[in-house]
mmCIF file of all heavy atoms, coordinates in Angstrom:
data_MODEL
# 
_entry.id   MODEL 
# 
loop_
_atom_site.group_PDB 
_atom_site.id 
_atom_site.type_symbol 
_atom_site.label_atom_id 
_atom_site.label_alt_id 
_atom_site.label_comp_id 
_atom_site.label_asym_id 
_atom_site.label_entity_id 
_atom_site.label_seq_id 
_atom_site.pdbx_PDB_ins_code 
_atom_site.Cartn_x 
_atom_site.Cartn_y 
_atom_site.Cartn_z 
_atom_site.occupancy 
_atom_site.B_iso_or_equiv 
_atom_site.pdbx_formal_charge 
_atom_site.auth_seq_id 
_atom_site.auth_comp_id 
_atom_site.auth_asym_id 
_atom_site.auth_atom_id 
_atom_site.pdbx_PDB_model_num 
ATOM 1   N N   . GLN A 1 1  ? -61.633 -46.042 -30.086 1.00 0.00 ? 1  GLN A N   1 
ATOM 2   C CA  . GLN A 1 1  ? -62.659 -45.006 -29.820 1.00 0.00 ? 1  GLN A CA  1 
ATOM 3   C C   . GLN A 1 1  ? -62.046 -43.665 -29.612 1.00 0.00 ? 1  GLN A C   1 
ATOM 4   O O   . GLN A 1 1  ? -62.630 -42.631 -30.052 1.00 0.00 ? 1  GLN A O   1 
ATOM 5   C CB  . GLN A 1 1  ? -63.505 -45.409 -28.644 1.00 0.00 ? 1  GLN A CB  1 
ATOM 6   C CG  . GLN A 1 1  ? -64.372 -46.616 -28.886 1.00 0.00 ? 1  GLN A CG  1 
ATOM 7   C CD  . GLN A 1 1  ? -65.225 -46.982 -27.694 1.00 0.00 ? 1  GLN A CD  1 
ATOM 8   O OE1 . GLN A 1 1  ? -66.318 -46.415 -27.526 1.00 0.00 ? 1  GLN A OE1 1 
ATOM 9   N NE2 . GLN A 1 1  ? -64.739 -47.926 -26.851 1.00 0.00 ? 1  GLN A NE2 1 
ATOM 10  N N   . LYS A 1 2  ? -60.850 -43.580 -29.019 1.00 0.00 ? 2  LYS A N   1 
ATOM 11  C CA  . LYS A 1 2  ? -60.191 -42.303 -28.849 1.00 0.00 ? 2  LYS A CA  1 
ATOM 12  C C   . LYS A 1 2  ? -59.849 -41.709 -30.242 1.00 0.00 ? 2  LYS A C   1 
ATOM 13  O O   . LYS A 1 2  ? -59.952 -40.481 -30.449 1.00 0.00 ? 2  LYS A O   1 
ATOM 14  C CB  . LYS A 1 2  ? -58.913 -42.464 -28.011 1.00 0.00 ? 2  LYS A CB  1 
ATOM 15  C CG  . LYS A 1 2  ? -59.205 -42.622 -26.530 1.00 0.00 ? 2  LYS A CG  1 
ATOM 16  C CD  . LYS A 1 2  ? -57.878 -42.672 -25.774 1.00 0.00 ? 2  LYS A CD  1 
ATOM 17  C CE  . LYS A 1 2  ? -58.113 -42.759 -24.267 1.00 0.00 ? 2  LYS A CE  1 
ATOM 18  N NZ  . LYS A 1 2  ? -56.839 -42.838 -23.469 1.00 0.00 ? 2  LYS A NZ  1 
ATOM 19  N N   . ALA A 1 3  ? -59.349 -42.566 -31.135 1.00 0.00 ? 3  ALA A N   1 
ATOM 20  C CA  . ALA A 1 3  ? -58.975 -42.077 -32.484 1.00 0.00 ? 3  ALA A CA  1 
ATOM 21  C C   . ALA A 1 3  ? -60.219 -41.533 -33.201 1.00 0.00 ? 3  ALA A C   1 
ATOM 22  O O   . ALA A 1 3  ? -60.153 -40.474 -33.829 1.00 0.00 ? 3  ALA A O   1 
ATOM 23  C CB  . ALA A 1 3  ? -58.390 -43.244 -33.264 1.00 0.00 ? 3  ALA A CB  1 
ATOM 24  N N   . LEU A 1 4  ? -61.350 -42.247 -33.094 1.00 0.00 ? 4  LEU A N   1 
ATOM 25  C CA  . LEU A 1 4  ? -62.556 -41.784 -33.746 1.00 0.00 ? 4  LEU A CA  1 
ATOM 26  C C   . LEU A 1 4  ? -63.117 -40.497 -33.094 1.00 0.00 ? 4  LEU A C   1 
ATOM 27  O O   . LEU A 1 4  ? -63.539 -39.597 -33.776 1.00 0.00 ? 4  LEU A O   1 
ATOM 28  C CB  . LEU A 1 4  ? -63.591 -42.891 -33.684 1.00 0.00 ? 4  LEU A CB  1 
ATOM 29  C CG  . LEU A 1 4  ? -63.300 -44.138 -34.500 1.00 0.00 ? 4  LEU A CG  1 
ATOM 30  C CD1 . LEU A 1 4  ? -64.236 -45.297 -34.127 1.00 0.00 ? 4  LEU A CD1 1 
ATOM 31  C CD2 . LEU A 1 4  ? -63.440 -43.886 -35.998 1.00 0.00 ? 4  LEU A CD2 1 
ATOM 32  N N   . TYR A 1 5  ? -63.024 -40.469 -31.770 1.00 0.00 ? 5  TYR A N   1 
ATOM 33  C CA  . TYR A 1 5  ? -63.517 -39.279 -31.076 1.00 0.00 ? 5  TYR A CA  1 
ATOM 34  C C   . TYR A 1 5  ? -62.689 -38.052 -31.464 1.00 0.00 ? 5  TYR A C   1 
ATOM 35  O O   . TYR A 1 5  ? -63.220 -36.931 -31.624 1.00 0.00 ? 5  TYR A O   1 
ATOM 36  C CB  . TYR A 1 5  ? -63.432 -39.517 -29.531 1.00 0.00 ? 5  TYR A CB  1 
ATOM 37  C CG  . TYR A 1 5  ? -63.873 -38.277 -28.740 1.00 0.00 ? 5  TYR A CG  1 
ATOM 38  C CD1 . TYR A 1 5  ? -65.197 -38.078 -28.470 1.00 0.00 ? 5  TYR A CD1 1 
ATOM 39  C CD2 . TYR A 1 5  ? -62.931 -37.340 -28.271 1.00 0.00 ? 5  TYR A CD2 1 
ATOM 40  C CE1 . TYR A 1 5  ? -65.576 -36.962 -27.759 1.00 0.00 ? 5  TYR A CE1 1 
ATOM 41  C CE2 . TYR A 1 5  ? -63.309 -36.251 -27.574 1.00 0.00 ? 5  TYR A CE2 1 
ATOM 42  C CZ  . TYR A 1 5  ? -64.671 -36.034 -27.316 1.00 0.00 ? 5  TYR A CZ  1 
ATOM 43  O OH  . TYR A 1 5  ? -64.994 -34.920 -26.564 1.00 0.00 ? 5  TYR A OH  1 
ATOM 44  N N   . THR A 1 6  ? -61.349 -38.235 -31.626 1.00 0.00 ? 6  THR A N   1 
ATOM 45  C CA  . THR A 1 6  ? -60.452 -37.131 -31.975 1.00 0.00 ? 6  THR A CA  1 
ATOM 46  C C   . THR A 1 6  ? -60.844 -36.598 -33.332 1.00 0.00 ? 6  THR A C   1 
ATOM 47  O O   . THR A 1 6  ? -60.876 -35.409 -33.524 1.00 0.00 ? 6  THR A O   1 
ATOM 48  C CB  . THR A 1 6  ? -58.995 -37.609 -31.957 1.00 0.00 ? 6  THR A CB  1 
ATOM 49  O OG1 . THR A 1 6  ? -58.643 -38.007 -30.623 1.00 0.00 ? 6  THR A OG1 1 
ATOM 50  C CG2 . THR A 1 6  ? -58.041 -36.493 -32.413 1.00 0.00 ? 6  THR A CG2 1 
ATOM 51  N N   . ILE A 1 7  ? -61.130 -37.477 -34.260 1.00 0.00 ? 7  ILE A N   1 
ATOM 52  C CA  . ILE A 1 7  ? -61.605 -37.051 -35.549 1.00 0.00 ? 7  ILE A CA  1 
ATOM 53  C C   . ILE A 1 7  ? -62.892 -36.236 -35.478 1.00 0.00 ? 7  ILE A C   1 
ATOM 54  O O   . ILE A 1 7  ? -62.993 -35.138 -36.027 1.00 0.00 ? 7  ILE A O   1 
ATOM 55  C CB  . ILE A 1 7  ? -61.809 -38.236 -36.508 1.00 0.00 ? 7  ILE A CB  1 
ATOM 56  C CG1 . ILE A 1 7  ? -60.472 -38.922 -36.844 1.00 0.00 ? 7  ILE A CG1 1 
ATOM 57  C CG2 . ILE A 1 7  ? -62.489 -37.857 -37.805 1.00 0.00 ? 7  ILE A CG2 1 
ATOM 58  C CD1 . ILE A 1 7  ? -60.623 -40.271 -37.484 1.00 0.00 ? 7  ILE A CD1 1 
ATOM 59  N N   . CYS A 1 8  ? -63.844 -36.749 -34.759 1.00 0.00 ? 8  CYS A N   1 
ATOM 60  C CA  . CYS A 1 8  ? -65.146 -36.085 -34.642 1.00 0.00 ? 8  CYS A CA  1 
ATOM 61  C C   . CYS A 1 8  ? -64.997 -34.708 -33.934 1.00 0.00 ? 8  CYS A C   1 
ATOM 62  O O   . CYS A 1 8  ? -65.587 -33.710 -34.300 1.00 0.00 ? 8  CYS A O   1 
ATOM 63  C CB  . CYS A 1 8  ? -66.130 -36.968 -33.850 1.00 0.00 ? 8  CYS A CB  1 
ATOM 64  S SG  . CYS A 1 8  ? -66.528 -38.462 -34.715 1.00 0.00 ? 8  CYS A SG  1 
ATOM 65  N N   . ASN A 1 9  ? -64.233 -34.757 -32.829 1.00 0.00 ? 9  ASN A N   1 
ATOM 66  C CA  . ASN A 1 9  ? -64.072 -33.543 -32.019 1.00 0.00 ? 9  ASN A CA  1 
ATOM 67  C C   . ASN A 1 9  ? -63.382 -32.415 -32.761 1.00 0.00 ? 9  ASN A C   1 
ATOM 68  O O   . ASN A 1 9  ? -63.589 -31.236 -32.489 1.00 0.00 ? 9  ASN A O   1 
ATOM 69  C CB  . ASN A 1 9  ? -63.345 -33.851 -30.740 1.00 0.00 ? 9  ASN A CB  1 
ATOM 70  C CG  . ASN A 1 9  ? -63.471 -32.783 -29.666 1.00 0.00 ? 9  ASN A CG  1 
ATOM 71  O OD1 . ASN A 1 9  ? -64.544 -32.249 -29.466 1.00 0.00 ? 9  ASN A OD1 1 
ATOM 72  N ND2 . ASN A 1 9  ? -62.347 -32.423 -29.045 1.00 0.00 ? 9  ASN A ND2 1 
ATOM 73  N N   . GLY A 1 10 ? -62.527 -32.811 -33.746 1.00 0.00 ? 10 GLY A N   1 
ATOM 74  C CA  . GLY A 1 10 ? -61.778 -31.794 -34.527 1.00 0.00 ? 10 GLY A CA  1 
ATOM 75  C C   . GLY A 1 10 ? -62.456 -31.341 -35.749 1.00 0.00 ? 10 GLY A C   1 
ATOM 76  O O   . GLY A 1 10 ? -61.988 -30.481 -36.463 1.00 0.00 ? 10 GLY A O   1 
ATOM 77  N N   . ALA A 1 11 ? -63.628 -31.952 -36.077 1.00 0.00 ? 11 ALA A N   1 
ATOM 78  C CA  . ALA A 1 11 ? -64.340 -31.690 -37.368 1.00 0.00 ? 11 ALA A CA  1 
ATOM 79  C C   . ALA A 1 11 ? -65.214 -30.468 -37.203 1.00 0.00 ? 11 ALA A C   1 
ATOM 80  O O   . ALA A 1 11 ? -65.985 -30.355 -36.194 1.00 0.00 ? 11 ALA A O   1 
ATOM 81  C CB  . ALA A 1 11 ? -65.114 -32.875 -37.825 1.00 0.00 ? 11 ALA A CB  1 
ATOM 82  N N   . LYS A 1 12 ? -65.177 -29.567 -38.116 1.00 0.00 ? 12 LYS A N   1 
ATOM 83  C CA  . LYS A 1 12 ? -66.001 -28.315 -38.041 1.00 0.00 ? 12 LYS A CA  1 
ATOM 84  C C   . LYS A 1 12 ? -67.472 -28.646 -38.258 1.00 0.00 ? 12 LYS A C   1 
ATOM 85  O O   . LYS A 1 12 ? -68.342 -27.838 -37.794 1.00 0.00 ? 12 LYS A O   1 
ATOM 86  C CB  . LYS A 1 12 ? -65.517 -27.311 -39.127 1.00 0.00 ? 12 LYS A CB  1 
ATOM 87  C CG  . LYS A 1 12 ? -64.124 -26.782 -38.850 1.00 0.00 ? 12 LYS A CG  1 
ATOM 88  C CD  . LYS A 1 12 ? -63.708 -25.762 -39.872 1.00 0.00 ? 12 LYS A CD  1 
ATOM 89  C CE  . LYS A 1 12 ? -62.350 -25.179 -39.633 1.00 0.00 ? 12 LYS A CE  1 
ATOM 90  N NZ  . LYS A 1 12 ? -61.907 -24.223 -40.642 1.00 0.00 ? 12 LYS A NZ  1 
ATOM 91  N N   . ASN A 1 13 ? -67.786 -29.712 -38.953 1.00 0.00 ? 13 ASN A N   1 
ATOM 92  C CA  . ASN A 1 13 ? -69.215 -29.988 -39.245 1.00 0.00 ? 13 ASN A CA  1 
ATOM 93  C C   . ASN A 1 13 ? -69.844 -30.995 -38.271 1.00 0.00 ? 13 ASN A C   1 
ATOM 94  O O   . ASN A 1 13 ? -70.931 -31.439 -38.517 1.00 0.00 ? 13 ASN A O   1 
ATOM 95  C CB  . ASN A 1 13 ? -69.350 -30.493 -40.697 1.00 0.00 ? 13 ASN A CB  1 
ATOM 96  C CG  . ASN A 1 13 ? -68.658 -31.871 -40.911 1.00 0.00 ? 13 ASN A CG  1 
ATOM 97  O OD1 . ASN A 1 13 ? -67.577 -32.089 -40.374 1.00 0.00 ? 13 ASN A OD1 1 
ATOM 98  N ND2 . ASN A 1 13 ? -69.316 -32.746 -41.611 1.00 0.00 ? 13 ASN A ND2 1 
ATOM 99  N N   . VAL A 1 14 ? -69.105 -31.406 -37.251 1.00 0.00 ? 14 VAL A N   1 
ATOM 100 C CA  . VAL A 1 14 ? -69.637 -32.380 -36.290 1.00 0.00 ? 14 VAL A CA  1 
ATOM 101 C C   . VAL A 1 14 ? -69.736 -31.800 -34.860 1.00 0.00 ? 14 VAL A C   1 
ATOM 102 O O   . VAL A 1 14 ? -68.747 -31.228 -34.383 1.00 0.00 ? 14 VAL A O   1 
ATOM 103 C CB  . VAL A 1 14 ? -68.743 -33.670 -36.231 1.00 0.00 ? 14 VAL A CB  1 
ATOM 104 C CG1 . VAL A 1 14 ? -69.252 -34.624 -35.208 1.00 0.00 ? 14 VAL A CG1 1 
ATOM 105 C CG2 . VAL A 1 14 ? -68.705 -34.335 -37.618 1.00 0.00 ? 14 VAL A CG2 1 
ATOM 106 N N   . ASP A 1 15 ? -70.899 -31.828 -34.286 1.00 0.00 ? 15 ASP A N   1 
ATOM 107 C CA  . ASP A 1 15 ? -71.073 -31.490 -32.899 1.00 0.00 ? 15 ASP A CA  1 
ATOM 108 C C   . ASP A 1 15 ? -71.312 -32.686 -32.049 1.00 0.00 ? 15 ASP A C   1 
ATOM 109 O O   . ASP A 1 15 ? -71.958 -33.683 -32.509 1.00 0.00 ? 15 ASP A O   1 
ATOM 110 C CB  . ASP A 1 15 ? -72.309 -30.588 -32.782 1.00 0.00 ? 15 ASP A CB  1 
ATOM 111 C CG  . ASP A 1 15 ? -72.054 -29.166 -33.336 1.00 0.00 ? 15 ASP A CG  1 
ATOM 112 O OD1 . ASP A 1 15 ? -70.861 -28.752 -33.530 1.00 0.00 ? 15 ASP A OD1 1 
ATOM 113 O OD2 . ASP A 1 15 ? -73.062 -28.402 -33.539 1.00 0.00 ? 15 ASP A OD2 1 
ATOM 114 N N   . LEU A 1 16 ? -70.707 -32.706 -30.900 1.00 0.00 ? 16 LEU A N   1 
ATOM 115 C CA  . LEU A 1 16 ? -70.825 -33.861 -29.968 1.00 0.00 ? 16 LEU A CA  1 
ATOM 116 C C   . LEU A 1 16 ? -71.597 -33.441 -28.701 1.00 0.00 ? 16 LEU A C   1 
ATOM 117 O O   . LEU A 1 16 ? -71.278 -32.416 -28.120 1.00 0.00 ? 16 LEU A O   1 
ATOM 118 C CB  . LEU A 1 16 ? -69.407 -34.334 -29.587 1.00 0.00 ? 16 LEU A CB  1 
ATOM 119 C CG  . LEU A 1 16 ? -68.485 -34.687 -30.721 1.00 0.00 ? 16 LEU A CG  1 
ATOM 120 C CD1 . LEU A 1 16 ? -67.068 -35.023 -30.175 1.00 0.00 ? 16 LEU A CD1 1 
ATOM 121 C CD2 . LEU A 1 16 ? -69.040 -35.943 -31.498 1.00 0.00 ? 16 LEU A CD2 1 
ATOM 122 N N   . LYS A 1 17 ? -72.533 -34.250 -28.330 1.00 0.00 ? 17 LYS A N   1 
ATOM 123 C CA  . LYS A 1 17 ? -73.285 -33.978 -27.111 1.00 0.00 ? 17 LYS A CA  1 
ATOM 124 C C   . LYS A 1 17 ? -73.213 -35.215 -26.204 1.00 0.00 ? 17 LYS A C   1 
ATOM 125 O O   . LYS A 1 17 ? -73.825 -36.246 -26.543 1.00 0.00 ? 17 LYS A O   1 
ATOM 126 C CB  . LYS A 1 17 ? -74.783 -33.661 -27.433 1.00 0.00 ? 17 LYS A CB  1 
ATOM 127 C CG  . LYS A 1 17 ? -75.005 -32.206 -27.932 1.00 0.00 ? 17 LYS A CG  1 
ATOM 128 C CD  . LYS A 1 17 ? -76.495 -31.940 -28.070 1.00 0.00 ? 17 LYS A CD  1 
ATOM 129 C CE  . LYS A 1 17 ? -76.784 -30.501 -28.549 1.00 0.00 ? 17 LYS A CE  1 
ATOM 130 N NZ  . LYS A 1 17 ? -76.393 -29.472 -27.492 1.00 0.00 ? 17 LYS A NZ  1 
ATOM 131 N N   . ALA A 1 18 ? -72.483 -35.089 -25.130 1.00 0.00 ? 18 ALA A N   1 
ATOM 132 C CA  . ALA A 1 18 ? -72.386 -36.183 -24.130 1.00 0.00 ? 18 ALA A CA  1 
ATOM 133 C C   . ALA A 1 18 ? -73.413 -35.948 -23.034 1.00 0.00 ? 18 ALA A C   1 
ATOM 134 O O   . ALA A 1 18 ? -73.921 -34.855 -22.849 1.00 0.00 ? 18 ALA A O   1 
ATOM 135 C CB  . ALA A 1 18 ? -70.971 -36.216 -23.596 1.00 0.00 ? 18 ALA A CB  1 
ATOM 136 N N   . ASN A 1 19 ? -73.648 -37.040 -22.268 1.00 0.00 ? 19 ASN A N   1 
ATOM 137 C CA  . ASN A 1 19 ? -74.585 -36.944 -21.136 1.00 0.00 ? 19 ASN A CA  1 
ATOM 138 C C   . ASN A 1 19 ? -75.920 -36.328 -21.488 1.00 0.00 ? 19 ASN A C   1 
ATOM 139 O O   . ASN A 1 19 ? -76.473 -35.470 -20.804 1.00 0.00 ? 19 ASN A O   1 
ATOM 140 C CB  . ASN A 1 19 ? -73.931 -36.198 -20.000 1.00 0.00 ? 19 ASN A CB  1 
ATOM 141 C CG  . ASN A 1 19 ? -72.673 -36.813 -19.500 1.00 0.00 ? 19 ASN A CG  1 
ATOM 142 O OD1 . ASN A 1 19 ? -72.673 -37.993 -19.116 1.00 0.00 ? 19 ASN A OD1 1 
ATOM 143 N ND2 . ASN A 1 19 ? -71.543 -36.112 -19.628 1.00 0.00 ? 19 ASN A ND2 1 
ATOM 144 N N   . THR A 1 20 ? -76.390 -36.752 -22.678 1.00 0.00 ? 20 THR A N   1 
ATOM 145 C CA  . THR A 1 20 ? -77.613 -36.189 -23.261 1.00 0.00 ? 20 THR A CA  1 
ATOM 146 C C   . THR A 1 20 ? -78.612 -37.286 -23.672 1.00 0.00 ? 20 THR A C   1 
ATOM 147 O O   . THR A 1 20 ? -78.570 -37.760 -24.833 1.00 0.00 ? 20 THR A O   1 
ATOM 148 C CB  . THR A 1 20 ? -77.261 -35.284 -24.484 1.00 0.00 ? 20 THR A CB  1 
ATOM 149 O OG1 . THR A 1 20 ? -76.282 -34.342 -24.162 1.00 0.00 ? 20 THR A OG1 1 
ATOM 150 C CG2 . THR A 1 20 ? -78.462 -34.584 -24.992 1.00 0.00 ? 20 THR A CG2 1 
ATOM 151 N N   . PRO A 1 21 ? -79.412 -37.737 -22.720 1.00 0.00 ? 21 PRO A N   1 
ATOM 152 C CA  . PRO A 1 21 ? -80.357 -38.779 -23.121 1.00 0.00 ? 21 PRO A CA  1 
ATOM 153 C C   . PRO A 1 21 ? -81.384 -38.252 -24.071 1.00 0.00 ? 21 PRO A C   1 
ATOM 154 O O   . PRO A 1 21 ? -81.854 -37.102 -23.936 1.00 0.00 ? 21 PRO A O   1 
ATOM 155 C CB  . PRO A 1 21 ? -80.993 -39.134 -21.741 1.00 0.00 ? 21 PRO A CB  1 
ATOM 156 C CG  . PRO A 1 21 ? -80.081 -38.570 -20.674 1.00 0.00 ? 21 PRO A CG  1 
ATOM 157 C CD  . PRO A 1 21 ? -79.420 -37.394 -21.297 1.00 0.00 ? 21 PRO A CD  1 
ATOM 158 N N   . VAL A 1 22 ? -81.816 -39.091 -25.005 1.00 0.00 ? 22 VAL A N   1 
ATOM 159 C CA  . VAL A 1 22 ? -82.889 -38.757 -25.935 1.00 0.00 ? 22 VAL A CA  1 
ATOM 160 C C   . VAL A 1 22 ? -84.199 -39.142 -25.237 1.00 0.00 ? 22 VAL A C   1 
ATOM 161 O O   . VAL A 1 22 ? -84.381 -40.235 -24.818 1.00 0.00 ? 22 VAL A O   1 
ATOM 162 C CB  . VAL A 1 22 ? -82.652 -39.517 -27.244 1.00 0.00 ? 22 VAL A CB  1 
ATOM 163 C CG1 . VAL A 1 22 ? -83.928 -39.369 -28.154 1.00 0.00 ? 22 VAL A CG1 1 
ATOM 164 C CG2 . VAL A 1 22 ? -81.431 -39.027 -27.961 1.00 0.00 ? 22 VAL A CG2 1 
ATOM 165 N N   . THR A 1 23 ? -85.094 -38.195 -25.207 1.00 0.00 ? 23 THR A N   1 
ATOM 166 C CA  . THR A 1 23 ? -86.340 -38.439 -24.518 1.00 0.00 ? 23 THR A CA  1 
ATOM 167 C C   . THR A 1 23 ? -87.541 -38.569 -25.490 1.00 0.00 ? 23 THR A C   1 
ATOM 168 O O   . THR A 1 23 ? -88.647 -38.936 -25.030 1.00 0.00 ? 23 THR A O   1 
ATOM 169 C CB  . THR A 1 23 ? -86.663 -37.291 -23.509 1.00 0.00 ? 23 THR A CB  1 
ATOM 170 O OG1 . THR A 1 23 ? -86.627 -36.036 -24.203 1.00 0.00 ? 23 THR A OG1 1 
ATOM 171 C CG2 . THR A 1 23 ? -85.622 -37.324 -22.432 1.00 0.00 ? 23 THR A CG2 1 
ATOM 172 N N   . ASN A 1 24 ? -87.326 -38.240 -26.759 1.00 0.00 ? 24 ASN A N   1 
ATOM 173 C CA  . ASN A 1 24 ? -88.425 -38.439 -27.726 1.00 0.00 ? 24 ASN A CA  1 
ATOM 174 C C   . ASN A 1 24 ? -87.863 -38.337 -29.164 1.00 0.00 ? 24 ASN A C   1 
ATOM 175 O O   . ASN A 1 24 ? -86.880 -37.611 -29.335 1.00 0.00 ? 24 ASN A O   1 
ATOM 176 C CB  . ASN A 1 24 ? -89.571 -37.422 -27.547 1.00 0.00 ? 24 ASN A CB  1 
ATOM 177 C CG  . ASN A 1 24 ? -90.838 -37.854 -28.267 1.00 0.00 ? 24 ASN A CG  1 
ATOM 178 O OD1 . ASN A 1 24 ? -91.071 -39.017 -28.475 1.00 0.00 ? 24 ASN A OD1 1 
ATOM 179 N ND2 . ASN A 1 24 ? -91.646 -36.894 -28.643 1.00 0.00 ? 24 ASN A ND2 1 
ATOM 180 N N   . ILE A 1 25 ? -88.480 -39.073 -30.073 1.00 0.00 ? 25 ILE A N   1 
ATOM 181 C CA  . ILE A 1 25 ? -88.187 -38.904 -31.496 1.00 0.00 ? 25 ILE A CA  1 
ATOM 182 C C   . ILE A 1 25 ? -89.548 -38.878 -32.185 1.00 0.00 ? 25 ILE A C   1 
ATOM 183 O O   . ILE A 1 25 ? -90.396 -39.795 -32.005 1.00 0.00 ? 25 ILE A O   1 
ATOM 184 C CB  . ILE A 1 25 ? -87.332 -40.044 -32.048 1.00 0.00 ? 25 ILE A CB  1 
ATOM 185 C CG1 . ILE A 1 25 ? -86.000 -40.161 -31.231 1.00 0.00 ? 25 ILE A CG1 1 
ATOM 186 C CG2 . ILE A 1 25 ? -87.006 -39.790 -33.514 1.00 0.00 ? 25 ILE A CG2 1 
ATOM 187 C CD1 . ILE A 1 25 ? -85.177 -41.345 -31.627 1.00 0.00 ? 25 ILE A CD1 1 
# 
């Protein structure tokens, strides 16, 4: 998971939102 997170965190086209519950779709 650290390896995958590092890829995502370093990508210009990927935004990461932690501690963010989804309340509606």
